[in-house]
Amino acid sequence: MRISADRELCIQAGNCVMVAGEVFDQDDEGIVVVLAEQVSGVEAEHAREAVKLCPASALLAED
């Protein structure tokens, strides 16, 4: 699965990092950073959950 993030939409909630810290991080301003653009297995499950929980809909997971 391919993961991407629209940093312009990010509102710095940090839900993605809490749910999928192996896939997402935040920069010094709190904006999302994608650590792994391609994920599978458990990381993919966590990334999907992060996409669902993002209050700004700034994350995308594509199979």
Protein backbone atom coordinates (compact mmCIF):
# COMPACT_ATOMS: atom_id res chain seq x y z
CA MET A 1 0.00 0.00 0.00
CA ARG A 2 1.20 3.51 -0.81
CA ILE A 3 0.86 6.25 1.82
CA SER A 4 0.82 9.98 1.20
CA ALA A 5 -0.03 13.12 3.14
CA ASP A 6 -1.15 16.60 2.18
CA ARG A 7 0.94 18.72 4.52
CA GLU A 8 -1.13 21.81 3.66
CA LEU A 9 -4.28 20.17 5.08
CA CYS A 10 -2.58 18.88 8.25
CA ILE A 11 -3.89 20.53 11.45
CA GLN A 12 -1.19 19.04 13.71
CA ALA A 13 -3.53 16.77 15.70
CA GLY A 14 -0.95 13.98 15.86
CA ASN A 15 -3.47 11.12 15.64
CA CYS A 16 -1.43 9.55 12.84
CA VAL A 17 1.70 9.40 14.97
CA MET A 18 -0.18 7.92 17.93
CA VAL A 19 -1.74 5.18 15.77
CA ALA A 20 1.06 4.51 13.27
CA GLY A 21 4.32 5.93 14.59
CA GLU A 22 6.31 3.63 12.32
CA VAL A 23 4.70 5.29 9.28
CA PHE A 24 4.15 8.91 10.38
CA ASP A 25 6.00 11.56 12.35
CA GLN A 26 5.63 15.30 12.87
CA ASP A 27 8.14 18.02 12.04
CA ASP A 28 9.12 20.84 14.40
CA GLU A 29 5.88 22.68 13.57
CA GLY A 30 3.74 19.59 14.18
CA ILE A 31 3.01 18.96 10.49
CA VAL A 32 2.78 15.33 9.37
CA VAL A 33 5.82 13.65 7.81
CA VAL A 34 5.49 10.31 6.01
CA LEU A 35 8.32 8.02 7.15
CA ALA A 36 7.40 5.05 4.94
CA GLU A 37 5.66 5.61 1.61
CA GLN A 38 5.20 1.87 1.00
CA VAL A 39 3.81 -0.29 3.81
CA SER A 40 2.41 -3.79 4.23
CA GLY A 41 1.21 -6.13 6.95
CA VAL A 42 0.68 -4.64 10.39
CA GLU A 43 2.08 -1.28 9.31
CA ALA A 44 -0.57 -1.11 6.57
CA GLU A 45 -3.32 -1.86 9.10
CA HIS A 46 -2.05 0.91 11.38
CA ALA A 47 -1.74 3.32 8.46
CA ARG A 48 -5.35 2.63 7.37
CA GLU A 49 -6.54 3.37 10.91
CA ALA A 50 -4.54 6.62 10.92
CA VAL A 51 -6.14 7.65 7.62
CA LYS A 52 -9.59 7.06 9.14
CA LEU A 53 -8.77 9.02 12.30
CA CYS A 54 -7.20 12.07 10.64
CA PRO A 55 -9.53 14.98 11.47
CA ALA A 56 -8.30 17.01 8.49
CA SER A 57 -8.46 14.16 5.94
CA ALA A 58 -4.84 14.94 5.11
CA LEU A 59 -3.77 11.30 4.71
CA LEU A 60 -4.28 8.90 1.80
CA ALA A 61 -3.73 5.15 1.55
CA GLU A 62 -3.80 3.60 -1.92
CA ASP A 63 -3.63 -0.14 -2.63
